[in-house]
PDB file of N, CA and C in Angstrom:
ATOM      1  N   MET A   1     -43.422   4.071 -10.564  1.00  0.00           N
ATOM      2  CA  MET A   1     -42.290   4.971 -10.683  1.00  0.00           C
ATOM      3  C   MET A   1     -41.001   4.161 -10.769  1.00  0.00           C
ATOM      4  N   SER A   2     -40.099   4.637 -11.570  1.00  0.00           N
ATOM      5  CA  SER A   2     -38.813   3.959 -11.674  1.00  0.00           C
ATOM      6  C   SER A   2     -37.816   4.626 -10.730  1.00  0.00           C
ATOM      7  N   GLU A   3     -36.908   3.816 -10.269  1.00  0.00           N
ATOM      8  CA  GLU A   3     -35.885   4.336  -9.359  1.00  0.00           C
ATOM      9  C   GLU A   3     -34.753   4.962 -10.165  1.00  0.00           C
ATOM     10  N   ALA A   4     -34.147   5.964  -9.592  1.00  0.00           N
ATOM     11  CA  ALA A   4     -32.996   6.595 -10.229  1.00  0.00           C
ATOM     12  C   ALA A   4     -31.820   5.627 -10.172  1.00  0.00           C
ATOM     13  N   PRO A   5     -31.044   5.532 -11.228  1.00  0.00           N
ATOM     14  CA  PRO A   5     -29.893   4.620 -11.203  1.00  0.00           C
ATOM     15  C   PRO A   5     -28.866   5.074 -10.175  1.00  0.00           C
ATOM     16  N   ARG A   6     -28.291   4.101  -9.521  1.00  0.00           N
ATOM     17  CA  ARG A   6     -27.271   4.410  -8.512  1.00  0.00           C
ATOM     18  C   ARG A   6     -25.966   4.722  -9.207  1.00  0.00           C
ATOM     19  N   THR A   7     -25.371   5.796  -8.805  1.00  0.00           N
ATOM     20  CA  THR A   7     -24.062   6.149  -9.354  1.00  0.00           C
ATOM     21  C   THR A   7     -22.993   5.528  -8.476  1.00  0.00           C
ATOM     22  N   LYS A   8     -21.930   5.184  -9.083  1.00  0.00           N
ATOM     23  CA  LYS A   8     -20.833   4.577  -8.352  1.00  0.00           C
ATOM     24  C   LYS A   8     -20.083   5.664  -7.588  1.00  0.00           C
ATOM     25  N   SER A   9     -19.981   5.510  -6.286  1.00  0.00           N
ATOM     26  CA  SER A   9     -19.282   6.521  -5.496  1.00  0.00           C
ATOM     27  C   SER A   9     -17.778   6.285  -5.561  1.00  0.00           C
ATOM     28  N   ARG A  10     -17.040   7.365  -5.489  1.00  0.00           N
ATOM     29  CA  ARG A  10     -15.585   7.270  -5.519  1.00  0.00           C
ATOM     30  C   ARG A  10     -15.087   6.800  -4.165  1.00  0.00           C
ATOM     31  N   ARG A  11     -14.185   5.890  -4.216  1.00  0.00           N
ATOM     32  CA  ARG A  11     -13.588   5.374  -2.999  1.00  0.00           C
ATOM     33  C   ARG A  11     -12.492   6.340  -2.566  1.00  0.00           C
ATOM     34  N   ARG A  12     -12.454   6.655  -1.300  1.00  0.00           N
ATOM     35  CA  ARG A  12     -11.430   7.561  -0.771  1.00  0.00           C
ATOM     36  C   ARG A  12     -10.453   6.762   0.078  1.00  0.00           C
ATOM     37  N   TYR A  13      -9.181   7.047  -0.105  1.00  0.00           N
ATOM     38  CA  TYR A  13      -8.124   6.357   0.612  1.00  0.00           C
ATOM     39  C   TYR A  13      -7.437   7.340   1.546  1.00  0.00           C
ATOM     40  N   THR A  14      -7.089   6.865   2.721  1.00  0.00           N
ATOM     41  CA  THR A  14      -6.393   7.721   3.676  1.00  0.00           C
ATOM     42  C   THR A  14      -4.936   7.892   3.238  1.00  0.00           C
ATOM     43  N   ASP A  15      -4.312   8.947   3.736  1.00  0.00           N
ATOM     44  CA  ASP A  15      -2.895   9.163   3.429  1.00  0.00           C
ATOM     45  C   ASP A  15      -2.046   8.001   3.942  1.00  0.00           C
ATOM     46  N   GLU A  16      -2.418   7.474   5.089  1.00  0.00           N
ATOM     47  CA  GLU A  16      -1.677   6.348   5.655  1.00  0.00           C
ATOM     48  C   GLU A  16      -1.779   5.125   4.743  1.00  0.00           C
ATOM     49  N   PHE A  17      -2.961   4.856   4.223  1.00  0.00           N
ATOM     50  CA  PHE A  17      -3.168   3.733   3.305  1.00  0.00           C
ATOM     51  C   PHE A  17      -2.298   3.918   2.060  1.00  0.00           C
ATOM     52  N   LYS A  18      -2.254   5.145   1.539  1.00  0.00           N
ATOM     53  CA  LYS A  18      -1.446   5.440   0.356  1.00  0.00           C
ATOM     54  C   LYS A  18       0.035   5.214   0.638  1.00  0.00           C
ATOM     55  N   ARG A  19       0.503   5.708   1.802  1.00  0.00           N
ATOM     56  CA  ARG A  19       1.919   5.515   2.165  1.00  0.00           C
ATOM     57  C   ARG A  19       2.246   4.037   2.298  1.00  0.00           C
ATOM     58  N   ASP A  20       1.344   3.278   2.902  1.00  0.00           N
ATOM     59  CA  ASP A  20       1.576   1.843   3.063  1.00  0.00           C
ATOM     60  C   ASP A  20       1.631   1.132   1.711  1.00  0.00           C
ATOM     61  N   ALA A  21       0.775   1.539   0.799  1.00  0.00           N
ATOM     62  CA  ALA A  21       0.776   0.945  -0.538  1.00  0.00           C
ATOM     63  C   ALA A  21       2.091   1.267  -1.256  1.00  0.00           C
ATOM     64  N   VAL A  22       2.562   2.495  -1.125  1.00  0.00           N
ATOM     65  CA  VAL A  22       3.831   2.885  -1.744  1.00  0.00           C
ATOM     66  C   VAL A  22       4.983   2.118  -1.111  1.00  0.00           C
ATOM     67  N   ARG A  23       4.918   1.894   0.187  1.00  0.00           N
ATOM     68  CA  ARG A  23       5.972   1.095   0.843  1.00  0.00           C
ATOM     69  C   ARG A  23       6.035  -0.312   0.259  1.00  0.00           C
ATOM     70  N   MET A  24       4.872  -0.884  -0.045  1.00  0.00           N
ATOM     71  CA  MET A  24       4.855  -2.211  -0.664  1.00  0.00           C
ATOM     72  C   MET A  24       5.560  -2.167  -2.022  1.00  0.00           C
ATOM     73  N   LEU A  25       5.341  -1.089  -2.775  1.00  0.00           N
ATOM     74  CA  LEU A  25       6.037  -0.942  -4.055  1.00  0.00           C
ATOM     75  C   LEU A  25       7.540  -0.858  -3.840  1.00  0.00           C
ATOM     76  N   LEU A  26       7.938  -0.075  -2.849  1.00  0.00           N
ATOM     77  CA  LEU A  26       9.368   0.100  -2.573  1.00  0.00           C
ATOM     78  C   LEU A  26      10.007  -1.183  -2.039  1.00  0.00           C
ATOM     79  N   ASP A  27       9.179  -2.059  -1.474  1.00  0.00           N
ATOM     80  CA  ASP A  27       9.682  -3.346  -0.996  1.00  0.00           C
ATOM     81  C   ASP A  27       9.863  -4.356  -2.125  1.00  0.00           C
ATOM     82  N   GLY A  28       9.511  -3.961  -3.350  1.00  0.00           N
ATOM     83  CA  GLY A  28       9.775  -4.815  -4.495  1.00  0.00           C
ATOM     84  C   GLY A  28       8.553  -5.474  -5.115  1.00  0.00           C
ATOM     85  N   HIS A  29       7.367  -5.207  -4.602  1.00  0.00           N
ATOM     86  CA  HIS A  29       6.172  -5.780  -5.196  1.00  0.00           C
ATOM     87  C   HIS A  29       5.817  -5.015  -6.469  1.00  0.00           C
ATOM     88  N   SER A  30       5.238  -5.726  -7.434  1.00  0.00           N
ATOM     89  CA  SER A  30       4.841  -5.047  -8.680  1.00  0.00           C
ATOM     90  C   SER A  30       3.596  -4.203  -8.428  1.00  0.00           C
ATOM     91  N   PRO A  31       3.440  -3.129  -9.187  1.00  0.00           N
ATOM     92  CA  PRO A  31       2.244  -2.288  -9.013  1.00  0.00           C
ATOM     93  C   PRO A  31       0.944  -3.068  -9.191  1.00  0.00           C
ATOM     94  N   ARG A  32       0.887  -3.979 -10.149  1.00  0.00           N
ATOM     95  CA  ARG A  32      -0.326  -4.771 -10.383  1.00  0.00           C
ATOM     96  C   ARG A  32      -0.616  -5.657  -9.170  1.00  0.00           C
ATOM     97  N   ALA A  33       0.426  -6.272  -8.585  1.00  0.00           N
ATOM     98  CA  ALA A  33       0.235  -7.146  -7.429  1.00  0.00           C
ATOM     99  C   ALA A  33      -0.278  -6.353  -6.223  1.00  0.00           C
ATOM    100  N   VAL A  34       0.278  -5.174  -6.006  1.00  0.00           N
ATOM    101  CA  VAL A  34      -0.157  -4.332  -4.888  1.00  0.00           C
ATOM    102  C   VAL A  34      -1.601  -3.886  -5.110  1.00  0.00           C
ATOM    103  N   ALA A  35      -1.906  -3.461  -6.319  1.00  0.00           N
ATOM    104  CA  ALA A  35      -3.268  -3.007  -6.619  1.00  0.00           C
ATOM    105  C   ALA A  35      -4.275  -4.139  -6.423  1.00  0.00           C
ATOM    106  N   ASP A  36      -3.945  -5.323  -6.904  1.00  0.00           N
ATOM    107  CA  ASP A  36      -4.847  -6.466  -6.742  1.00  0.00           C
ATOM    108  C   ASP A  36      -5.015  -6.841  -5.280  1.00  0.00           C
ATOM    109  N   ARG A  37      -3.916  -6.869  -4.552  1.00  0.00           N
ATOM    110  CA  ARG A  37      -3.962  -7.285  -3.145  1.00  0.00           C
ATOM    111  C   ARG A  37      -4.767  -6.309  -2.297  1.00  0.00           C
ATOM    112  N   LEU A  38      -4.644  -5.008  -2.593  1.00  0.00           N
ATOM    113  CA  LEU A  38      -5.315  -3.994  -1.778  1.00  0.00           C
ATOM    114  C   LEU A  38      -6.665  -3.561  -2.339  1.00  0.00           C
ATOM    115  N   GLY A  39      -7.021  -4.096  -3.501  1.00  0.00           N
ATOM    116  CA  GLY A  39      -8.310  -3.744  -4.079  1.00  0.00           C
ATOM    117  C   GLY A  39      -8.340  -2.353  -4.686  1.00  0.00           C
ATOM    118  N   ILE A  40      -7.194  -1.889  -5.148  1.00  0.00           N
ATOM    119  CA  ILE A  40      -7.111  -0.582  -5.800  1.00  0.00           C
ATOM    120  C   ILE A  40      -7.442  -0.795  -7.271  1.00  0.00           C
ATOM    121  N   SER A  41      -8.378  -0.024  -7.786  1.00  0.00           N
ATOM    122  CA  SER A  41      -8.893  -0.275  -9.129  1.00  0.00           C
ATOM    123  C   SER A  41      -7.926   0.103 -10.247  1.00  0.00           C
ATOM    124  N   SER A  42      -7.007   0.990  -9.997  1.00  0.00           N
ATOM    125  CA  SER A  42      -6.158   1.507 -11.072  1.00  0.00           C
ATOM    126  C   SER A  42      -4.685   1.497 -10.667  1.00  0.00           C
ATOM    127  N   VAL A  43      -3.879   0.854 -11.498  1.00  0.00           N
ATOM    128  CA  VAL A  43      -2.433   0.848 -11.257  1.00  0.00           C
ATOM    129  C   VAL A  43      -1.876   2.249 -11.435  1.00  0.00           C
ATOM    130  N   SER A  44      -2.472   3.031 -12.343  1.00  0.00           N
ATOM    131  CA  SER A  44      -1.977   4.395 -12.568  1.00  0.00           C
ATOM    132  C   SER A  44      -2.152   5.251 -11.314  1.00  0.00           C
ATOM    133  N   MET A  45      -3.222   5.000 -10.557  1.00  0.00           N
ATOM    134  CA  MET A  45      -3.425   5.736  -9.306  1.00  0.00           C
ATOM    135  C   MET A  45      -2.301   5.397  -8.322  1.00  0.00           C
ATOM    136  N   LEU A  46      -1.964   4.130  -8.258  1.00  0.00           N
ATOM    137  CA  LEU A  46      -0.893   3.683  -7.374  1.00  0.00           C
ATOM    138  C   LEU A  46       0.440   4.305  -7.785  1.00  0.00           C
ATOM    139  N   ASN A  47       0.697   4.369  -9.080  1.00  0.00           N
ATOM    140  CA  ASN A  47       1.934   4.994  -9.553  1.00  0.00           C
ATOM    141  C   ASN A  47       1.952   6.493  -9.263  1.00  0.00           C
ATOM    142  N   ARG A  48       0.799   7.131  -9.330  1.00  0.00           N
ATOM    143  CA  ARG A  48       0.702   8.564  -8.996  1.00  0.00           C
ATOM    144  C   ARG A  48       1.034   8.774  -7.521  1.00  0.00           C
ATOM    145  N   TRP A  49       0.510   7.902  -6.661  1.00  0.00           N
ATOM    146  CA  TRP A  49       0.824   8.007  -5.236  1.00  0.00           C
ATOM    147  C   TRP A  49       2.323   7.864  -5.031  1.00  0.00           C
ATOM    148  N   ARG A  50       2.930   6.939  -5.767  1.00  0.00           N
ATOM    149  CA  ARG A  50       4.371   6.701  -5.625  1.00  0.00           C
ATOM    150  C   ARG A  50       5.161   7.951  -6.000  1.00  0.00           C
ATOM    151  N   ARG A  51       4.742   8.638  -7.057  1.00  0.00           N
ATOM    152  CA  ARG A  51       5.449   9.855  -7.468  1.00  0.00           C
ATOM    153  C   ARG A  51       5.289  10.978  -6.453  1.00  0.00           C
ATOM    154  N   THR A  52       4.159  11.056  -5.773  1.00  0.00           N
ATOM    155  CA  THR A  52       3.924  12.163  -4.851  1.00  0.00           C
ATOM    156  C   THR A  52       4.488  11.914  -3.454  1.00  0.00           C
ATOM    157  N   ILE A  53       4.686  10.652  -3.108  1.00  0.00           N
ATOM    158  CA  ILE A  53       5.214  10.317  -1.775  1.00  0.00           C
ATOM    159  C   ILE A  53       6.686   9.974  -1.917  1.00  0.00           C
ATOM    160  N   GLU A  54       7.525  10.766  -1.297  1.00  0.00           N
ATOM    161  CA  GLU A  54       8.957  10.528  -1.382  1.00  0.00           C
ATOM    162  C   GLU A  54       9.356   9.409  -0.419  1.00  0.00           C
ATOM    163  N   PRO A  55      10.218   8.512  -0.860  1.00  0.00           N
ATOM    164  CA  PRO A  55      10.662   7.443   0.034  1.00  0.00           C
ATOM    165  C   PRO A  55      11.523   8.003   1.160  1.00  0.00           C
ATOM    166  N   PRO A  56      11.458   7.403   2.329  1.00  0.00           N
ATOM    167  CA  PRO A  56      12.282   7.882   3.452  1.00  0.00           C
ATOM    168  C   PRO A  56      13.762   7.625   3.188  1.00  0.00           C
ATOM    169  N   ASP A  57      14.598   8.462   3.760  1.00  0.00           N
ATOM    170  CA  ASP A  57      16.044   8.271   3.619  1.00  0.00           C
ATOM    171  C   ASP A  57      16.475   7.084   4.464  1.00  0.00           C
ATOM    172  N   ALA A  58      17.227   6.195   3.855  1.00  0.00           N
ATOM    173  CA  ALA A  58      17.698   5.008   4.560  1.00  0.00           C
ATOM    174  C   ALA A  58      19.058   5.295   5.188  1.00  0.00           C
ATOM    175  N   PRO A  59      19.271   4.863   6.428  1.00  0.00           N
ATOM    176  CA  PRO A  59      20.573   5.065   7.053  1.00  0.00           C
ATOM    177  C   PRO A  59      21.635   4.176   6.401  1.00  0.00           C
ATOM    178  N   VAL A  60      22.877   4.629   6.445  1.00  0.00           N
ATOM    179  CA  VAL A  60      23.980   3.864   5.887  1.00  0.00           C
ATOM    180  C   VAL A  60      24.434   2.832   6.918  1.00  0.00           C
ATOM    181  N   ASP A  61      24.539   1.570   6.487  1.00  0.00           N
ATOM    182  CA  ASP A  61      24.923   0.482   7.390  1.00  0.00           C
ATOM    183  C   ASP A  61      26.320  -0.024   7.054  1.00  0.00           C
ATOM    184  N   SER A  62      26.964  -0.629   8.052  1.00  0.00           N
ATOM    185  CA  SER A  62      28.267  -1.227   7.793  1.00  0.00           C
ATOM    186  C   SER A  62      28.071  -2.585   7.116  1.00  0.00           C
ATOM    187  N   PRO A  63      29.048  -3.055   6.339  1.00  0.00           N
ATOM    188  CA  PRO A  63      28.886  -4.311   5.594  1.00  0.00           C
ATOM    189  C   PRO A  63      28.645  -5.532   6.484  1.00  0.00           C
ATOM    190  N   ARG A  64      29.202  -5.571   7.668  1.00  0.00           N
ATOM    191  CA  ARG A  64      29.016  -6.760   8.513  1.00  0.00           C
ATOM    192  C   ARG A  64      27.619  -6.826   9.119  1.00  0.00           C
ATOM    193  N   ASP A  65      26.913  -5.695   9.158  1.00  0.00           N
ATOM    194  CA  ASP A  65      25.548  -5.687   9.676  1.00  0.00           C
ATOM    195  C   ASP A  65      24.517  -6.011   8.599  1.00  0.00           C
ATOM    196  N   ALA A  66      24.973  -6.193   7.360  1.00  0.00           N
ATOM    197  CA  ALA A  66      24.053  -6.392   6.241  1.00  0.00           C
ATOM    198  C   ALA A  66      23.094  -7.572   6.432  1.00  0.00           C
ATOM    199  N   PRO A  67      23.550  -8.759   6.837  1.00  0.00           N
ATOM    200  CA  PRO A  67      22.602  -9.880   6.991  1.00  0.00           C
ATOM    201  C   PRO A  67      21.529  -9.603   8.051  1.00  0.00           C
ATOM    202  N   VAL A  68      21.928  -9.014   9.150  1.00  0.00           N
ATOM    203  CA  VAL A  68      20.968  -8.703  10.213  1.00  0.00           C
ATOM    204  C   VAL A  68      19.997  -7.632   9.733  1.00  0.00           C
ATOM    205  N   GLN A  69      20.517  -6.609   9.079  1.00  0.00           N
ATOM    206  CA  GLN A  69      19.668  -5.535   8.571  1.00  0.00           C
ATOM    207  C   GLN A  69      18.685  -6.057   7.522  1.00  0.00           C
ATOM    208  N   GLU A  70      19.152  -6.973   6.687  1.00  0.00           N
ATOM    209  CA  GLU A  70      18.280  -7.561   5.663  1.00  0.00           C
ATOM    210  C   GLU A  70      17.129  -8.330   6.309  1.00  0.00           C
ATOM    211  N   LEU A  71      17.439  -9.093   7.342  1.00  0.00           N
ATOM    212  CA  LEU A  71      16.386  -9.833   8.051  1.00  0.00           C
ATOM    213  C   LEU A  71      15.424  -8.889   8.769  1.00  0.00           C
ATOM    214  N   MET A  72      15.953  -7.839   9.364  1.00  0.00           N
ATOM    215  CA  MET A  72      15.090  -6.870  10.042  1.00  0.00           C
ATOM    216  C   MET A  72      14.176  -6.169   9.043  1.00  0.00           C
ATOM    217  N   GLU A  73      14.694  -5.840   7.865  1.00  0.00           N
ATOM    218  CA  GLU A  73      13.877  -5.202   6.842  1.00  0.00           C
ATOM    219  C   GLU A  73      12.783  -6.154   6.349  1.00  0.00           C
ATOM    220  N   THR A  74      13.126  -7.435   6.230  1.00  0.00           N
ATOM    221  CA  THR A  74      12.116  -8.426   5.833  1.00  0.00           C
ATOM    222  C   THR A  74      11.004  -8.495   6.870  1.00  0.00           C
ATOM    223  N   ILE A  75      11.374  -8.478   8.134  1.00  0.00           N
ATOM    224  CA  ILE A  75      10.367  -8.504   9.210  1.00  0.00           C
ATOM    225  C   ILE A  75       9.494  -7.259   9.131  1.00  0.00           C
ATOM    226  N   ARG A  76      10.119  -6.089   8.972  1.00  0.00           N
ATOM    227  CA  ARG A  76       9.343  -4.843   8.881  1.00  0.00           C
ATOM    228  C   ARG A  76       8.413  -4.859   7.664  1.00  0.00           C
ATOM    229  N   ARG A  77       8.902  -5.368   6.533  1.00  0.00           N
ATOM    230  CA  ARG A  77       8.086  -5.435   5.322  1.00  0.00           C
ATOM    231  C   ARG A  77       6.882  -6.351   5.534  1.00  0.00           C
ATOM    232  N   LEU A  78       7.114  -7.506   6.138  1.00  0.00           N
ATOM    233  CA  LEU A  78       6.009  -8.437   6.385  1.00  0.00           C
ATOM    234  C   LEU A  78       4.999  -7.860   7.379  1.00  0.00           C
ATOM    235  N   GLU A  79       5.497  -7.154   8.390  1.00  0.00           N
ATOM    236  CA  GLU A  79       4.587  -6.517   9.338  1.00  0.00           C
ATOM    237  C   GLU A  79       3.765  -5.424   8.664  1.00  0.00           C
ATOM    238  N   ARG A  80       4.397  -4.639   7.770  1.00  0.00           N
ATOM    239  CA  ARG A  80       3.661  -3.603   7.038  1.00  0.00           C
ATOM    240  C   ARG A  80       2.598  -4.224   6.146  1.00  0.00           C
ATOM    241  N   GLU A  81       2.965  -5.302   5.449  1.00  0.00           N
ATOM    242  CA  GLU A  81       1.990  -5.983   4.590  1.00  0.00           C
ATOM    243  C   GLU A  81       0.804  -6.471   5.412  1.00  0.00           C
ATOM    244  N   ARG A  82       1.090  -7.049   6.560  1.00  0.00           N
ATOM    245  CA  ARG A  82       0.021  -7.538   7.433  1.00  0.00           C
ATOM    246  C   ARG A  82      -0.879  -6.388   7.863  1.00  0.00           C
ATOM    247  N   ASP A  83      -0.266  -5.279   8.272  1.00  0.00           N
ATOM    248  CA  ASP A  83      -1.052  -4.127   8.718  1.00  0.00           C
ATOM    249  C   ASP A  83      -1.872  -3.533   7.580  1.00  0.00           C
ATOM    250  N   ILE A  84      -1.284  -3.476   6.393  1.00  0.00           N
ATOM    251  CA  ILE A  84      -2.013  -2.948   5.241  1.00  0.00           C
ATOM    252  C   ILE A  84      -3.218  -3.825   4.929  1.00  0.00           C
ATOM    253  N   LEU A  85      -3.009  -5.124   4.952  1.00  0.00           N
ATOM    254  CA  LEU A  85      -4.121  -6.032   4.659  1.00  0.00           C
ATOM    255  C   LEU A  85      -5.223  -5.927   5.709  1.00  0.00           C
ATOM    256  N   LYS A  86      -4.844  -5.733   6.955  1.00  0.00           N
ATOM    257  CA  LYS A  86      -5.858  -5.535   7.998  1.00  0.00           C
ATOM    258  C   LYS A  86      -6.655  -4.270   7.738  1.00  0.00           C
ATOM    259  N   LYS A  87      -5.956  -3.185   7.359  1.00  0.00           N
ATOM    260  CA  LYS A  87      -6.636  -1.925   7.069  1.00  0.00           C
ATOM    261  C   LYS A  87      -7.546  -2.066   5.852  1.00  0.00           C
ATOM    262  N   ALA A  88      -7.048  -2.760   4.827  1.00  0.00           N
ATOM    263  CA  ALA A  88      -7.864  -2.960   3.627  1.00  0.00           C
ATOM    264  C   ALA A  88      -9.119  -3.752   3.964  1.00  0.00           C
ATOM    265  N   LEU A  89      -8.981  -4.760   4.797  1.00  0.00           N
ATOM    266  CA  LEU A  89     -10.138  -5.551   5.196  1.00  0.00           C
ATOM    267  C   LEU A  89     -11.158  -4.693   5.920  1.00  0.00           C
ATOM    268  N   SER A  90     -10.702  -3.816   6.801  1.00  0.00           N
ATOM    269  CA  SER A  90     -11.645  -2.960   7.524  1.00  0.00           C
ATOM    270  C   SER A  90     -12.304  -1.941   6.594  1.00  0.00           C
ATOM    271  N   ILE A  91     -11.561  -1.440   5.597  1.00  0.00           N
ATOM    272  CA  ILE A  91     -12.127  -0.483   4.647  1.00  0.00           C
ATOM    273  C   ILE A  91     -13.195  -1.151   3.795  1.00  0.00           C
ATOM    274  N   PHE A  92     -12.895  -2.347   3.307  1.00  0.00           N
ATOM    275  CA  PHE A  92     -13.809  -3.023   2.392  1.00  0.00           C
ATOM    276  C   PHE A  92     -14.968  -3.704   3.097  1.00  0.00           C
ATOM    277  N   SER A  93     -14.855  -3.917   4.393  1.00  0.00           N
ATOM    278  CA  SER A  93     -15.934  -4.601   5.108  1.00  0.00           C
ATOM    279  C   SER A  93     -16.988  -3.646   5.649  1.00  0.00           C
ATOM    280  N   ARG A  94     -16.679  -2.353   5.697  1.00  0.00           N
ATOM    281  CA  ARG A  94     -17.696  -1.412   6.184  1.00  0.00           C
ATOM    282  C   ARG A  94     -18.674  -1.101   5.060  1.00  0.00           C
ATOM    283  N   SER A  95     -19.902  -0.883   5.436  1.00  0.00           N
ATOM    284  CA  SER A  95     -20.923  -0.605   4.422  1.00  0.00           C
ATOM    285  C   SER A  95     -20.966   0.893   4.140  1.00  0.00           C
ATOM    286  N   ASP A  96     -21.093   1.219   2.875  1.00  0.00           N
ATOM    287  CA  ASP A  96     -21.121   2.639   2.456  1.00  0.00           C
ATOM    288  C   ASP A  96     -22.520   3.163   2.471  1.00  0.00           C
TER     289      ASP A  96
END
């Protein structure tokens, strides 16, 4: 007897994963770079997530706080990237 061919199952992403991926886009990463880094098969899917998830409103800062705010945003961006990569690793390491 021959075995039935295995169909490729669709990968499901959590809303949190999608928001984190969109944050990476908003932080200035290219869609292709984000898709490659997170193992997302389609850049168009990533762009669709970006259109459906509205970016948060940023507070208005005074000009003298700009250097500190820029450094704080860099820290937050790097922490988000780290967290996203940890989540991606856990998603891709579990067996389906």
